[in-house]
Amino acid sequence: MDAVRVALLRDVLAGTSLLDATHHFAGTLRSRVVPRGGELLLVGTAEYEPWHLAAHLVDEAAWSGTPELAPTLVRHRVPPAGSGAPHLSVGLERLDAVRRDGTLLVVAPHVPDGRLLERVHGARRAGATVLALSAEEDGSGGELGALAHEALTVPRDSAPSLDVVQHLVSAAAGEAGPPLDRSPRRLRERLARLTEHFTVPPPAHW
């Protein structure tokens, strides 16, 4: 989803509790990651890896000048040693080594299994900040929401979907800092980067 579609979606959702919630969640994400300078770990469920959110956060980190927003994608299944790129070969054991200044963002379109919940609980006990984006039948957040310091839950099969909400969160996270420099030169630079991004094929590893 490009910046124009995100803007249109925001117009449709203007004044709704969901749009307010995504901005609040994105602001929390940025406020926990950027000042601390700690690592942002991103993990999904065994059935779902949040590739697109990882890619969009990398883009927002570059565009907003906040490299701390670029996450490390933690995977449930990693390629055999030597067969995959190092940055795509980070397994769940990484959650066991999370530091106190770290932030863990969990995306769960499905109910997480016990193995993941146990590691999330361990990360929280170690002092990491836990954030959760999830979809639940009743919108309650379930056990994952109870473990998180901040949770944003979308009712399953709702509109917009959790995938769309991820776009809103990543876009807002890149904007949630001090007011952007709106000078003509700054705007031209941002537009040039956006044009390059949307006209060049994505890297093979995403």
Foldseek 3Di string as FASTA:
>chain_A
DAPVVLVVVCVVCPPHPLLVQLLVLLLVVLVLQQVLVAAEEEEEALVDFPPVLLVLQCVLCVLLVRNSSRHQYEHCDADPPPPDDPSRGHYPCVLLVGALSYEYEYEYQDDHDPVVLVSLLNSVVRNYAYEYEYEDQVQPCPPSCVSHPYYGYDHHPDPPHSVSSSVSNSVSNSCSDPHDDPDPVSVVVSVVVSVVVVPDDDDPVD
